Amino acid sequence: MNNTVTVAAVMASALLAAPAQADRTYFFAPMAGFNTGGTLSVTDRLPEEDNDRVKIGEMKVDSSESFGLMLGVETYHPGNVYLLVNRQSTEFESGSYAGLGGQGVTLDYYHLGGSLFFPRGNFEPYVTASVGVTYFNPDELSSDTRGSMGFGVGARYMLFKNLAVYADIRGFATFFSDNNEIFCGGEEGCKIRLEGESLLQGQANAGLMIRF
């Protein structure tokens, strides 16, 4: 968890170090949404142990609601730069490998991102991209942190000068190399050995944006 806190602190520092502007506009934007689950293939050994690995199961994350917050500053593009923190409290699906089914797991995204707006009066469609880490925290296993990135499209509607409603759809990819063991620690050692692939999740959000 210490590494995750460090990454979040670095991203926050980068956000605050953005070039100074006389009329800089900051914002915070709480959100609620829904995350689709993701699946990773589990193998019986690592590449250096045997080139003929056998898929012995899958690690499946269940779909569930999520909550998050963006903190950022607007730019002249028009657009913005933001720090995103998003949490999904869910569980591994029934049938997941090694008795993981039904075990709770939390996925936290810590991302630094940016958006580009295409204003049409008060209606402002946008595209967005972000990069950072995903923090996995199972209830009964050790935690794990992996690099990730996200892309999305959305729109906000300005109700007043400093208040907007917004909605977006995002896709997140969390990366695993071809030589990975995760949830390591304790007497059992490493719980899962993964194929080299990405955990893919879709996310739909809606929220308020308050500018100041």
N, C-alpha and C. Protein backbone atom coordinates (compact mmCIF):
# COMPACT_ATOMS: atom_id res chain seq x y z
N MET A 1 0.83 -1.21 0.00
CA MET A 1 0.00 0.00 0.00
C MET A 1 0.86 1.25 0.00
N ASN A 2 2.07 1.17 0.60
CA ASN A 2 2.95 2.34 0.65
C ASN A 2 3.29 2.83 -0.74
N ASN A 3 3.54 1.89 -1.69
CA ASN A 3 3.86 2.28 -3.05
C ASN A 3 2.69 3.02 -3.69
N THR A 4 1.47 2.56 -3.41
CA THR A 4 0.29 3.20 -3.97
C THR A 4 0.14 4.62 -3.45
N VAL A 5 0.35 4.81 -2.15
CA VAL A 5 0.27 6.15 -1.56
C VAL A 5 1.32 7.06 -2.17
N THR A 6 2.52 6.53 -2.38
CA THR A 6 3.60 7.32 -2.99
C THR A 6 3.23 7.76 -4.39
N VAL A 7 2.69 6.84 -5.20
CA VAL A 7 2.28 7.18 -6.56
C VAL A 7 1.22 8.26 -6.55
N ALA A 8 0.22 8.12 -5.67
CA ALA A 8 -0.84 9.12 -5.58
C ALA A 8 -0.28 10.48 -5.19
N ALA A 9 0.69 10.50 -4.27
CA ALA A 9 1.29 11.76 -3.85
C ALA A 9 2.06 12.41 -4.99
N VAL A 10 2.78 11.61 -5.76
CA VAL A 10 3.54 12.14 -6.90
C VAL A 10 2.60 12.73 -7.94
N MET A 11 1.49 12.04 -8.23
CA MET A 11 0.54 12.54 -9.21
C MET A 11 -0.12 13.82 -8.74
N ALA A 12 -0.42 13.90 -7.45
CA ALA A 12 -1.01 15.12 -6.91
C ALA A 12 -0.04 16.28 -7.01
N SER A 13 1.26 16.03 -6.76
CA SER A 13 2.27 17.07 -6.87
C SER A 13 2.39 17.57 -8.30
N ALA A 14 2.31 16.62 -9.26
CA ALA A 14 2.39 17.00 -10.67
C ALA A 14 1.20 17.87 -11.06
N LEU A 15 0.04 17.55 -10.52
CA LEU A 15 -1.15 18.34 -10.80
C LEU A 15 -1.01 19.76 -10.27
N LEU A 16 -0.53 19.90 -9.04
CA LEU A 16 -0.39 21.21 -8.43
C LEU A 16 0.72 22.02 -9.08
N ALA A 17 1.66 21.34 -9.75
CA ALA A 17 2.78 22.03 -10.39
C ALA A 17 2.46 22.49 -11.80
N ALA A 18 1.21 22.39 -12.23
CA ALA A 18 0.82 22.85 -13.56
C ALA A 18 1.15 24.33 -13.72
N PRO A 19 1.45 24.78 -14.96
CA PRO A 19 1.82 26.17 -15.18
C PRO A 19 0.80 27.14 -14.59
N ALA A 20 1.30 28.18 -13.95
CA ALA A 20 0.43 29.16 -13.30
C ALA A 20 -0.38 29.94 -14.33
N GLN A 21 -1.64 30.22 -14.00
CA GLN A 21 -2.51 31.02 -14.83
C GLN A 21 -3.21 32.03 -13.93
N ALA A 22 -3.36 33.27 -14.44
CA ALA A 22 -3.96 34.32 -13.63
C ALA A 22 -5.39 33.98 -13.24
N ASP A 23 -6.15 33.35 -14.15
CA ASP A 23 -7.54 33.02 -13.87
C ASP A 23 -7.74 31.51 -13.84
N ARG A 24 -6.81 30.81 -13.24
CA ARG A 24 -6.88 29.36 -13.17
C ARG A 24 -8.18 28.92 -12.49
N THR A 25 -8.84 27.92 -13.06
CA THR A 25 -10.08 27.38 -12.51
C THR A 25 -9.86 25.94 -12.08
N TYR A 26 -10.07 25.68 -10.80
CA TYR A 26 -9.96 24.33 -10.26
C TYR A 26 -11.35 23.69 -10.23
N PHE A 27 -11.37 22.38 -10.05
CA PHE A 27 -12.66 21.70 -9.92
C PHE A 27 -12.50 20.42 -9.12
N PHE A 28 -13.59 20.00 -8.52
CA PHE A 28 -13.66 18.64 -7.99
C PHE A 28 -14.97 18.03 -8.47
N ALA A 29 -14.93 16.73 -8.71
CA ALA A 29 -16.05 16.08 -9.38
C ALA A 29 -16.28 14.69 -8.81
N PRO A 30 -17.18 14.55 -7.83
CA PRO A 30 -17.53 13.22 -7.35
C PRO A 30 -18.32 12.46 -8.41
N MET A 31 -18.23 11.14 -8.38
CA MET A 31 -18.92 10.32 -9.38
C MET A 31 -19.39 9.01 -8.75
N ALA A 32 -20.44 8.46 -9.33
CA ALA A 32 -20.89 7.11 -9.01
C ALA A 32 -21.07 6.38 -10.33
N GLY A 33 -20.77 5.09 -10.34
CA GLY A 33 -20.83 4.38 -11.60
C GLY A 33 -20.95 2.88 -11.44
N PHE A 34 -20.69 2.20 -12.53
CA PHE A 34 -20.77 0.74 -12.57
C PHE A 34 -19.59 0.21 -13.37
N ASN A 35 -18.87 -0.74 -12.79
CA ASN A 35 -17.72 -1.36 -13.45
C ASN A 35 -18.07 -2.77 -13.92
N THR A 36 -17.74 -3.07 -15.17
CA THR A 36 -17.83 -4.45 -15.61
C THR A 36 -16.67 -5.24 -15.03
N GLY A 37 -16.85 -6.54 -14.87
CA GLY A 37 -15.78 -7.37 -14.35
C GLY A 37 -14.70 -7.61 -15.39
N GLY A 38 -13.64 -8.28 -14.98
CA GLY A 38 -12.56 -8.63 -15.89
C GLY A 38 -12.09 -10.05 -15.60
N THR A 39 -11.36 -10.64 -16.54
CA THR A 39 -10.92 -12.02 -16.41
C THR A 39 -9.45 -12.15 -16.76
N LEU A 40 -8.71 -12.94 -15.98
CA LEU A 40 -7.32 -13.28 -16.26
C LEU A 40 -7.16 -14.79 -16.23
N SER A 41 -6.32 -15.31 -17.12
CA SER A 41 -6.08 -16.75 -17.19
C SER A 41 -5.00 -17.16 -16.19
N VAL A 42 -5.24 -18.26 -15.47
CA VAL A 42 -4.31 -18.79 -14.48
C VAL A 42 -3.63 -20.02 -15.07
N THR A 43 -2.29 -20.09 -14.93
CA THR A 43 -1.54 -21.23 -15.45
C THR A 43 -0.89 -22.02 -14.32
N ASP A 44 -0.35 -23.19 -14.68
CA ASP A 44 0.22 -24.08 -13.66
C ASP A 44 1.68 -23.79 -13.36
N ARG A 45 2.33 -22.96 -14.18
CA ARG A 45 3.75 -22.67 -13.93
C ARG A 45 4.14 -21.40 -14.68
N LEU A 46 5.34 -20.90 -14.39
CA LEU A 46 5.87 -19.72 -15.04
C LEU A 46 6.66 -20.10 -16.28
N PRO A 47 6.92 -19.17 -17.22
CA PRO A 47 7.61 -19.49 -18.47
C PRO A 47 8.96 -20.16 -18.28
N GLU A 48 9.77 -19.71 -17.31
CA GLU A 48 11.10 -20.29 -17.16
C GLU A 48 11.06 -21.71 -16.60
N GLU A 49 9.91 -22.09 -16.04
CA GLU A 49 9.79 -23.44 -15.50
C GLU A 49 9.43 -24.45 -16.58
N ASP A 50 8.62 -24.03 -17.54
CA ASP A 50 8.17 -24.94 -18.59
C ASP A 50 7.50 -24.12 -19.67
N ASN A 51 7.95 -24.29 -20.92
CA ASN A 51 7.35 -23.54 -22.01
C ASN A 51 5.94 -24.01 -22.33
N ASP A 52 5.62 -25.24 -21.96
CA ASP A 52 4.30 -25.79 -22.24
C ASP A 52 3.39 -25.61 -21.03
N ARG A 53 3.04 -24.38 -20.78
CA ARG A 53 2.17 -24.11 -19.65
C ARG A 53 0.74 -24.54 -19.96
N VAL A 54 0.03 -24.90 -18.93
CA VAL A 54 -1.35 -25.35 -19.07
C VAL A 54 -2.27 -24.37 -18.34
N LYS A 55 -3.31 -23.93 -19.03
CA LYS A 55 -4.31 -23.09 -18.37
C LYS A 55 -5.14 -23.95 -17.43
N ILE A 56 -5.15 -23.59 -16.16
CA ILE A 56 -5.84 -24.42 -15.17
C ILE A 56 -7.04 -23.71 -14.54
N GLY A 57 -7.32 -22.50 -14.99
CA GLY A 57 -8.47 -21.79 -14.44
C GLY A 57 -8.45 -20.33 -14.81
N GLU A 58 -9.37 -19.58 -14.26
CA GLU A 58 -9.47 -18.15 -14.51
C GLU A 58 -9.72 -17.40 -13.20
N MET A 59 -9.23 -16.18 -13.18
CA MET A 59 -9.52 -15.26 -12.08
C MET A 59 -10.53 -14.25 -12.61
N LYS A 60 -11.75 -14.30 -12.11
CA LYS A 60 -12.83 -13.47 -12.63
C LYS A 60 -13.27 -12.46 -11.57
N VAL A 61 -13.27 -11.19 -11.95
CA VAL A 61 -13.74 -10.13 -11.07
C VAL A 61 -15.20 -9.84 -11.41
N ASP A 62 -16.06 -9.82 -10.40
CA ASP A 62 -17.49 -9.60 -10.62
C ASP A 62 -17.77 -8.13 -10.93
N SER A 63 -18.80 -7.89 -11.74
CA SER A 63 -19.25 -6.52 -12.02
C SER A 63 -19.96 -5.95 -10.80
N SER A 64 -19.78 -4.65 -10.57
CA SER A 64 -20.43 -4.02 -9.42
C SER A 64 -20.35 -2.50 -9.54
N GLU A 65 -20.99 -1.81 -8.59
CA GLU A 65 -20.94 -0.36 -8.57
C GLU A 65 -19.55 0.13 -8.17
N SER A 66 -19.28 1.38 -8.51
CA SER A 66 -18.01 2.01 -8.14
C SER A 66 -18.26 3.47 -7.78
N PHE A 67 -17.30 4.04 -7.07
CA PHE A 67 -17.39 5.44 -6.65
C PHE A 67 -16.02 6.09 -6.82
N GLY A 68 -16.01 7.37 -7.14
CA GLY A 68 -14.73 8.01 -7.36
C GLY A 68 -14.79 9.52 -7.22
N LEU A 69 -13.63 10.13 -7.46
CA LEU A 69 -13.49 11.58 -7.35
C LEU A 69 -12.38 12.05 -8.28
N MET A 70 -12.65 13.13 -9.01
CA MET A 70 -11.62 13.81 -9.78
C MET A 70 -11.33 15.16 -9.14
N LEU A 71 -10.04 15.49 -9.03
CA LEU A 71 -9.58 16.80 -8.60
C LEU A 71 -8.69 17.33 -9.70
N GLY A 72 -8.94 18.57 -10.15
CA GLY A 72 -8.14 19.01 -11.27
C GLY A 72 -8.17 20.51 -11.50
N VAL A 73 -7.57 20.88 -12.63
CA VAL A 73 -7.50 22.28 -13.04
C VAL A 73 -7.84 22.35 -14.52
N GLU A 74 -8.58 23.37 -14.92
CA GLU A 74 -8.97 23.52 -16.31
C GLU A 74 -7.87 24.23 -17.09
N THR A 75 -7.83 23.94 -18.40
CA THR A 75 -6.81 24.52 -19.28
C THR A 75 -7.50 25.34 -20.37
N TYR A 76 -6.69 26.00 -21.22
CA TYR A 76 -7.23 26.87 -22.25
C TYR A 76 -7.60 26.14 -23.54
N HIS A 77 -7.47 24.82 -23.58
CA HIS A 77 -7.55 24.10 -24.87
C HIS A 77 -8.89 24.16 -25.60
N PRO A 78 -10.10 24.05 -25.06
CA PRO A 78 -10.39 23.91 -23.63
C PRO A 78 -10.30 22.45 -23.18
N GLY A 79 -9.90 22.28 -21.96
CA GLY A 79 -9.77 20.94 -21.42
C GLY A 79 -9.46 21.00 -19.94
N ASN A 80 -8.90 19.91 -19.43
CA ASN A 80 -8.49 19.90 -18.03
C ASN A 80 -7.42 18.85 -17.79
N VAL A 81 -6.78 18.96 -16.65
CA VAL A 81 -5.83 17.97 -16.14
C VAL A 81 -6.33 17.58 -14.76
N TYR A 82 -6.33 16.28 -14.46
CA TYR A 82 -6.97 15.86 -13.21
C TYR A 82 -6.27 14.66 -12.58
N LEU A 83 -6.51 14.52 -11.29
CA LEU A 83 -6.15 13.33 -10.54
C LEU A 83 -7.44 12.56 -10.28
N LEU A 84 -7.47 11.30 -10.70
CA LEU A 84 -8.64 10.45 -10.54
C LEU A 84 -8.37 9.36 -9.50
N VAL A 85 -9.28 9.23 -8.55
CA VAL A 85 -9.27 8.11 -7.61
C VAL A 85 -10.62 7.42 -7.72
N ASN A 86 -10.61 6.12 -7.99
CA ASN A 86 -11.86 5.39 -8.19
C ASN A 86 -11.78 4.04 -7.50
N ARG A 87 -12.85 3.68 -6.78
CA ARG A 87 -12.86 2.42 -6.02
C ARG A 87 -14.04 1.54 -6.41
N GLN A 88 -13.74 0.26 -6.63
CA GLN A 88 -14.76 -0.76 -6.84
C GLN A 88 -14.61 -1.82 -5.75
N SER A 89 -15.61 -1.97 -4.90
CA SER A 89 -15.62 -3.02 -3.89
C SER A 89 -16.49 -4.15 -4.42
N THR A 90 -15.88 -5.29 -4.71
CA THR A 90 -16.59 -6.37 -5.38
C THR A 90 -16.11 -7.71 -4.83
N GLU A 91 -16.23 -8.77 -5.60
CA GLU A 91 -15.75 -10.08 -5.20
C GLU A 91 -15.36 -10.86 -6.44
N PHE A 92 -14.61 -11.93 -6.24
CA PHE A 92 -14.30 -12.82 -7.35
C PHE A 92 -15.54 -13.66 -7.66
N GLU A 93 -15.81 -13.85 -8.95
CA GLU A 93 -16.99 -14.59 -9.36
C GLU A 93 -16.91 -16.05 -8.94
N SER A 94 -18.07 -16.66 -8.76
CA SER A 94 -18.16 -18.09 -8.51
C SER A 94 -17.50 -18.84 -9.66
N GLY A 95 -16.69 -19.82 -9.35
CA GLY A 95 -15.98 -20.58 -10.37
C GLY A 95 -14.57 -20.09 -10.61
N SER A 96 -14.16 -19.00 -9.95
CA SER A 96 -12.78 -18.54 -10.07
C SER A 96 -11.83 -19.56 -9.47
N TYR A 97 -10.59 -19.53 -9.94
CA TYR A 97 -9.58 -20.52 -9.56
C TYR A 97 -9.28 -20.51 -8.06
N ALA A 98 -8.95 -21.70 -7.55
CA ALA A 98 -8.39 -21.90 -6.21
C ALA A 98 -9.29 -21.36 -5.09
N GLY A 99 -10.58 -21.54 -5.27
CA GLY A 99 -11.48 -21.14 -4.21
C GLY A 99 -11.63 -19.64 -4.03
N LEU A 100 -11.25 -18.86 -5.04
CA LEU A 100 -11.40 -17.40 -4.93
C LEU A 100 -12.85 -16.97 -5.01
N GLY A 101 -13.71 -17.79 -5.62
CA GLY A 101 -15.10 -17.42 -5.82
C GLY A 101 -15.78 -16.99 -4.52
N GLY A 102 -16.39 -15.81 -4.56
CA GLY A 102 -17.08 -15.28 -3.39
C GLY A 102 -16.21 -14.49 -2.45
N GLN A 103 -14.89 -14.53 -2.64
CA GLN A 103 -13.99 -13.76 -1.77
C GLN A 103 -14.00 -12.29 -2.19
N GLY A 104 -14.11 -11.40 -1.22
CA GLY A 104 -14.15 -9.98 -1.51
C GLY A 104 -12.82 -9.45 -2.01
N VAL A 105 -12.89 -8.44 -2.88
CA VAL A 105 -11.68 -7.79 -3.40
C VAL A 105 -12.03 -6.34 -3.73
N THR A 106 -11.09 -5.45 -3.44
CA THR A 106 -11.25 -4.03 -3.76
C THR A 106 -10.25 -3.65 -4.84
N LEU A 107 -10.72 -2.94 -5.87
CA LEU A 107 -9.85 -2.42 -6.93
C LEU A 107 -9.88 -0.91 -6.85
N ASP A 108 -8.71 -0.31 -6.65
CA ASP A 108 -8.58 1.15 -6.61
C ASP A 108 -7.74 1.60 -7.80
N TYR A 109 -8.27 2.57 -8.56
CA TYR A 109 -7.50 3.20 -9.63
C TYR A 109 -6.99 4.55 -9.14
N TYR A 110 -5.69 4.78 -9.30
CA TYR A 110 -5.05 6.07 -9.01
C TYR A 110 -4.43 6.56 -10.32
N HIS A 111 -5.06 7.55 -10.96
CA HIS A 111 -4.65 7.96 -12.30
C HIS A 111 -4.46 9.47 -12.39
N LEU A 112 -3.50 9.87 -13.23
CA LEU A 112 -3.34 11.24 -13.66
C LEU A 112 -3.81 11.31 -15.10
N GLY A 113 -4.73 12.22 -15.39
CA GLY A 113 -5.32 12.23 -16.73
C GLY A 113 -5.59 13.62 -17.24
N GLY A 114 -6.17 13.67 -18.43
CA GLY A 114 -6.53 14.93 -19.05
C GLY A 114 -7.70 14.74 -20.00
N SER A 115 -8.45 15.80 -20.22
CA SER A 115 -9.62 15.76 -21.11
C SER A 115 -9.54 16.91 -22.10
N LEU A 116 -10.14 16.70 -23.28
CA LEU A 116 -10.25 17.74 -24.30
C LEU A 116 -11.73 17.91 -24.62
N PHE A 117 -12.24 19.14 -24.48
CA PHE A 117 -13.66 19.42 -24.66
C PHE A 117 -13.94 19.97 -26.05
N PHE A 118 -15.17 19.75 -26.52
CA PHE A 118 -15.65 20.26 -27.80
C PHE A 118 -16.98 20.98 -27.53
N PRO A 119 -16.91 22.21 -27.01
CA PRO A 119 -18.12 22.90 -26.52
C PRO A 119 -19.15 23.16 -27.62
N ARG A 120 -20.41 22.97 -27.24
CA ARG A 120 -21.57 23.31 -28.07
C ARG A 120 -22.54 24.07 -27.18
N GLY A 121 -22.20 25.31 -26.87
CA GLY A 121 -22.97 26.06 -25.89
C GLY A 121 -22.72 25.48 -24.50
N ASN A 122 -23.79 25.23 -23.77
CA ASN A 122 -23.65 24.65 -22.43
C ASN A 122 -23.35 23.16 -22.46
N PHE A 123 -23.54 22.53 -23.60
CA PHE A 123 -23.28 21.10 -23.75
C PHE A 123 -21.86 20.91 -24.26
N GLU A 124 -21.05 20.15 -23.53
CA GLU A 124 -19.62 20.03 -23.83
C GLU A 124 -19.18 18.57 -23.87
N PRO A 125 -19.21 17.94 -25.05
CA PRO A 125 -18.65 16.59 -25.18
C PRO A 125 -17.14 16.63 -24.96
N TYR A 126 -16.57 15.49 -24.56
CA TYR A 126 -15.12 15.44 -24.36
C TYR A 126 -14.58 14.03 -24.55
N VAL A 127 -13.28 13.99 -24.80
CA VAL A 127 -12.53 12.74 -24.78
C VAL A 127 -11.53 12.84 -23.64
N THR A 128 -11.18 11.72 -23.05
CA THR A 128 -10.29 11.74 -21.89
C THR A 128 -9.36 10.54 -21.91
N ALA A 129 -8.18 10.69 -21.31
CA ALA A 129 -7.21 9.60 -21.19
C ALA A 129 -6.48 9.77 -19.87
N SER A 130 -6.03 8.66 -19.31
CA SER A 130 -5.34 8.71 -18.02
C SER A 130 -4.37 7.55 -17.89
N VAL A 131 -3.42 7.69 -16.97
CA VAL A 131 -2.43 6.65 -16.73
C VAL A 131 -2.10 6.64 -15.24
N GLY A 132 -1.80 5.46 -14.71
CA GLY A 132 -1.48 5.37 -13.29
C GLY A 132 -1.32 3.93 -12.85
N VAL A 133 -1.90 3.59 -11.71
CA VAL A 133 -1.79 2.23 -11.18
C VAL A 133 -3.15 1.74 -10.72
N THR A 134 -3.27 0.41 -10.67
CA THR A 134 -4.42 -0.27 -10.09
C THR A 134 -3.95 -1.02 -8.86
N TYR A 135 -4.64 -0.81 -7.75
CA TYR A 135 -4.30 -1.46 -6.49
C TYR A 135 -5.34 -2.53 -6.18
N PHE A 136 -4.90 -3.81 -6.17
CA PHE A 136 -5.78 -4.94 -5.85
C PHE A 136 -5.63 -5.26 -4.36
N ASN A 137 -6.75 -5.40 -3.66
CA ASN A 137 -6.70 -5.70 -2.23
C ASN A 137 -7.74 -6.78 -1.88
N PRO A 138 -7.39 -8.07 -2.05
CA PRO A 138 -8.31 -9.15 -1.69
C PRO A 138 -8.47 -9.23 -0.17
N ASP A 139 -9.61 -9.75 0.27
CA ASP A 139 -9.88 -9.84 1.71
C ASP A 139 -8.90 -10.76 2.43
N GLU A 140 -8.55 -11.89 1.81
CA GLU A 140 -7.79 -12.92 2.51
C GLU A 140 -6.43 -13.21 1.89
N LEU A 141 -5.98 -12.36 0.98
CA LEU A 141 -4.68 -12.54 0.33
C LEU A 141 -3.92 -11.23 0.38
N SER A 142 -2.63 -11.28 0.05
CA SER A 142 -1.83 -10.06 0.03
C SER A 142 -2.26 -9.17 -1.13
N SER A 143 -2.01 -7.87 -1.00
CA SER A 143 -2.38 -6.90 -2.02
C SER A 143 -1.36 -6.88 -3.15
N ASP A 144 -1.72 -6.22 -4.25
CA ASP A 144 -0.83 -6.15 -5.41
C ASP A 144 -1.12 -4.86 -6.17
N THR A 145 -0.08 -4.23 -6.72
CA THR A 145 -0.22 -2.98 -7.47
C THR A 145 0.35 -3.16 -8.87
N ARG A 146 -0.41 -2.75 -9.90
CA ARG A 146 0.01 -2.89 -11.29
C ARG A 146 -0.24 -1.60 -12.06
N GLY A 147 0.56 -1.37 -13.10
CA GLY A 147 0.36 -0.21 -13.96
C GLY A 147 -0.91 -0.35 -14.78
N SER A 148 -1.54 0.79 -15.08
CA SER A 148 -2.78 0.75 -15.86
C SER A 148 -2.97 2.06 -16.61
N MET A 149 -3.87 2.03 -17.57
CA MET A 149 -4.23 3.24 -18.31
C MET A 149 -5.70 3.18 -18.67
N GLY A 150 -6.27 4.34 -19.01
CA GLY A 150 -7.69 4.40 -19.33
C GLY A 150 -7.98 5.39 -20.44
N PHE A 151 -9.06 5.13 -21.16
CA PHE A 151 -9.55 6.03 -22.21
C PHE A 151 -11.06 6.14 -22.06
N GLY A 152 -11.62 7.29 -22.47
CA GLY A 152 -13.06 7.43 -22.35
C GLY A 152 -13.62 8.57 -23.18
N VAL A 153 -14.94 8.60 -23.26
CA VAL A 153 -15.67 9.68 -23.90
C VAL A 153 -16.82 10.05 -22.97
N GLY A 154 -17.22 11.30 -23.02
CA GLY A 154 -18.32 11.73 -22.17
C GLY A 154 -18.80 13.11 -22.55
N ALA A 155 -19.61 13.68 -21.68
CA ALA A 155 -20.13 15.03 -21.91
C ALA A 155 -20.52 15.63 -20.56
N ARG A 156 -20.39 16.94 -20.48
CA ARG A 156 -20.91 17.65 -19.31
C ARG A 156 -21.86 18.74 -19.78
N TYR A 157 -22.78 19.09 -18.91
CA TYR A 157 -23.73 20.17 -19.21
C TYR A 157 -23.63 21.20 -18.10
N MET A 158 -23.32 22.45 -18.50
CA MET A 158 -23.13 23.51 -17.52
C MET A 158 -24.49 24.04 -17.06
N LEU A 159 -24.86 23.73 -15.82
CA LEU A 159 -26.10 24.25 -15.24
C LEU A 159 -25.94 25.71 -14.86
N PHE A 160 -24.79 26.03 -14.28
CA PHE A 160 -24.41 27.39 -13.92
C PHE A 160 -22.94 27.55 -14.25
N LYS A 161 -22.40 28.74 -14.02
CA LYS A 161 -21.01 28.99 -14.36
C LYS A 161 -20.07 28.03 -13.65
N ASN A 162 -20.37 27.68 -12.41
CA ASN A 162 -19.46 26.85 -11.62
C ASN A 162 -20.05 25.49 -11.22
N LEU A 163 -21.11 25.08 -11.89
CA LEU A 163 -21.72 23.79 -11.57
C LEU A 163 -22.17 23.09 -12.85
N ALA A 164 -21.77 21.83 -12.99
CA ALA A 164 -22.14 21.05 -14.16
C ALA A 164 -22.49 19.63 -13.75
N VAL A 165 -23.31 18.98 -14.56
CA VAL A 165 -23.52 17.54 -14.45
C VAL A 165 -22.75 16.89 -15.59
N TYR A 166 -22.26 15.69 -15.37
CA TYR A 166 -21.50 15.02 -16.42
C TYR A 166 -21.72 13.51 -16.37
N ALA A 167 -21.44 12.88 -17.49
CA ALA A 167 -21.49 11.42 -17.58
C ALA A 167 -20.43 10.98 -18.58
N ASP A 168 -19.81 9.85 -18.31
CA ASP A 168 -18.82 9.34 -19.26
C ASP A 168 -18.76 7.82 -19.22
N ILE A 169 -18.15 7.28 -20.25
CA ILE A 169 -17.86 5.85 -20.35
C ILE A 169 -16.36 5.70 -20.51
N ARG A 170 -15.74 4.86 -19.68
CA ARG A 170 -14.30 4.68 -19.71
C ARG A 170 -13.95 3.20 -19.84
N GLY A 171 -12.80 2.96 -20.43
CA GLY A 171 -12.24 1.62 -20.46
C GLY A 171 -10.88 1.64 -19.79
N PHE A 172 -10.62 0.66 -18.91
CA PHE A 172 -9.35 0.57 -18.19
C PHE A 172 -8.65 -0.74 -18.53
N ALA A 173 -7.35 -0.66 -18.71
CA ALA A 173 -6.52 -1.85 -18.92
C ALA A 173 -5.42 -1.87 -17.87
N THR A 174 -5.37 -2.94 -17.09
CA THR A 174 -4.31 -3.14 -16.09
C THR A 174 -3.37 -4.20 -16.62
N PHE A 175 -2.07 -3.90 -16.62
CA PHE A 175 -1.11 -4.71 -17.37
C PHE A 175 -0.38 -5.73 -16.50
N PHE A 176 -0.25 -6.93 -17.05
CA PHE A 176 0.52 -8.01 -16.44
C PHE A 176 1.49 -8.53 -17.49
N SER A 177 2.76 -8.73 -17.12
CA SER A 177 3.73 -9.27 -18.06
C SER A 177 3.52 -10.77 -18.18
N ASP A 178 4.36 -11.42 -19.01
CA ASP A 178 4.23 -12.86 -19.24
C ASP A 178 4.88 -13.68 -18.14
N ASN A 179 5.33 -13.03 -17.09
CA ASN A 179 6.03 -13.74 -16.01
C ASN A 179 5.53 -13.17 -14.69
N ASN A 180 4.33 -13.57 -14.31
CA ASN A 180 3.70 -12.93 -13.16
C ASN A 180 3.14 -13.90 -12.16
N GLU A 181 3.42 -13.62 -10.91
CA GLU A 181 2.75 -14.25 -9.79
C GLU A 181 2.15 -13.12 -8.96
N ILE A 182 0.91 -13.28 -8.54
CA ILE A 182 0.27 -12.21 -7.77
C ILE A 182 -0.32 -12.76 -6.48
N PHE A 183 -0.66 -11.82 -5.59
CA PHE A 183 -1.19 -12.14 -4.27
C PHE A 183 -0.20 -13.02 -3.51
N CYS A 184 1.09 -12.61 -3.52
CA CYS A 184 2.15 -13.36 -2.85
C CYS A 184 2.26 -12.92 -1.39
N GLY A 185 2.71 -13.84 -0.56
CA GLY A 185 2.91 -13.53 0.85
C GLY A 185 2.31 -14.58 1.75
N GLY A 186 2.79 -14.63 2.98
CA GLY A 186 2.28 -15.60 3.94
C GLY A 186 2.86 -16.98 3.72
N GLU A 187 2.32 -17.96 4.41
CA GLU A 187 2.84 -19.31 4.34
C GLU A 187 2.57 -19.98 3.00
N GLU A 188 1.52 -19.54 2.27
CA GLU A 188 1.16 -20.19 1.02
C GLU A 188 1.99 -19.69 -0.15
N GLY A 189 2.82 -18.67 0.05
CA GLY A 189 3.60 -18.13 -1.06
C GLY A 189 2.69 -17.41 -2.05
N CYS A 190 3.00 -17.56 -3.35
CA CYS A 190 2.21 -16.90 -4.39
C CYS A 190 0.98 -17.73 -4.72
N LYS A 191 -0.16 -17.09 -4.71
CA LYS A 191 -1.42 -17.80 -4.88
C LYS A 191 -1.73 -18.09 -6.34
N ILE A 192 -1.40 -17.15 -7.24
CA ILE A 192 -1.84 -17.27 -8.62
C ILE A 192 -0.71 -16.94 -9.58
N ARG A 193 -0.60 -17.76 -10.65
CA ARG A 193 0.35 -17.52 -11.73
C ARG A 193 -0.46 -17.18 -12.98
N LEU A 194 -0.13 -16.06 -13.62
CA LEU A 194 -0.96 -15.54 -14.69
C LEU A 194 -0.29 -15.64 -16.05
N GLU A 195 -1.12 -15.78 -17.08
CA GLU A 195 -0.68 -15.57 -18.45
C GLU A 195 -0.39 -14.09 -18.64
N GLY A 196 0.47 -13.77 -19.62
CA GLY A 196 0.74 -12.37 -19.92
C GLY A 196 -0.43 -11.75 -20.66
N GLU A 197 -1.19 -10.92 -20.01
CA GLU A 197 -2.34 -10.28 -20.61
C GLU A 197 -2.75 -9.09 -19.76
N SER A 198 -3.87 -8.50 -20.11
CA SER A 198 -4.36 -7.33 -19.38
C SER A 198 -5.73 -7.62 -18.80
N LEU A 199 -5.98 -7.05 -17.63
CA LEU A 199 -7.32 -7.07 -17.05
C LEU A 199 -8.07 -5.88 -17.63
N LEU A 200 -9.12 -6.15 -18.37
CA LEU A 200 -9.90 -5.11 -19.04
C LEU A 200 -11.21 -4.89 -18.31
N GLN A 201 -11.52 -3.63 -18.04
CA GLN A 201 -12.77 -3.27 -17.38
C GLN A 201 -13.41 -2.08 -18.09
N GLY A 202 -14.73 -2.12 -18.20
CA GLY A 202 -15.49 -0.99 -18.69
C GLY A 202 -16.16 -0.30 -17.51
N GLN A 203 -16.39 0.99 -17.65
CA GLN A 203 -16.96 1.76 -16.54
C GLN A 203 -17.88 2.84 -17.09
N ALA A 204 -19.07 2.97 -16.49
CA ALA A 204 -20.01 4.05 -16.82
C ALA A 204 -20.21 4.89 -15.56
N ASN A 205 -20.07 6.21 -15.69
CA ASN A 205 -20.12 7.12 -14.54
C ASN A 205 -21.09 8.27 -14.78
N ALA A 206 -21.57 8.83 -13.69
CA ALA A 206 -22.31 10.09 -13.72
C ALA A 206 -21.98 10.84 -12.44
N GLY A 207 -21.97 12.17 -12.52
CA GLY A 207 -21.63 12.93 -11.33
C GLY A 207 -21.82 14.42 -11.50
N LEU A 208 -21.37 15.15 -10.51
CA LEU A 208 -21.40 16.61 -10.50
C LEU A 208 -19.98 17.15 -10.59
N MET A 209 -19.82 18.29 -11.26
CA MET A 209 -18.53 18.97 -11.32
C MET A 209 -18.69 20.36 -10.74
N ILE A 210 -17.94 20.64 -9.68
CA ILE A 210 -18.00 21.94 -9.02
C ILE A 210 -16.70 22.67 -9.29
N ARG A 211 -16.79 23.86 -9.87
CA ARG A 211 -15.60 24.65 -10.21
C ARG A 211 -15.44 25.81 -9.22
N PHE A 212 -14.18 26.18 -9.00
CA PHE A 212 -13.91 27.31 -8.09
C PHE A 212 -12.61 27.99 -8.47
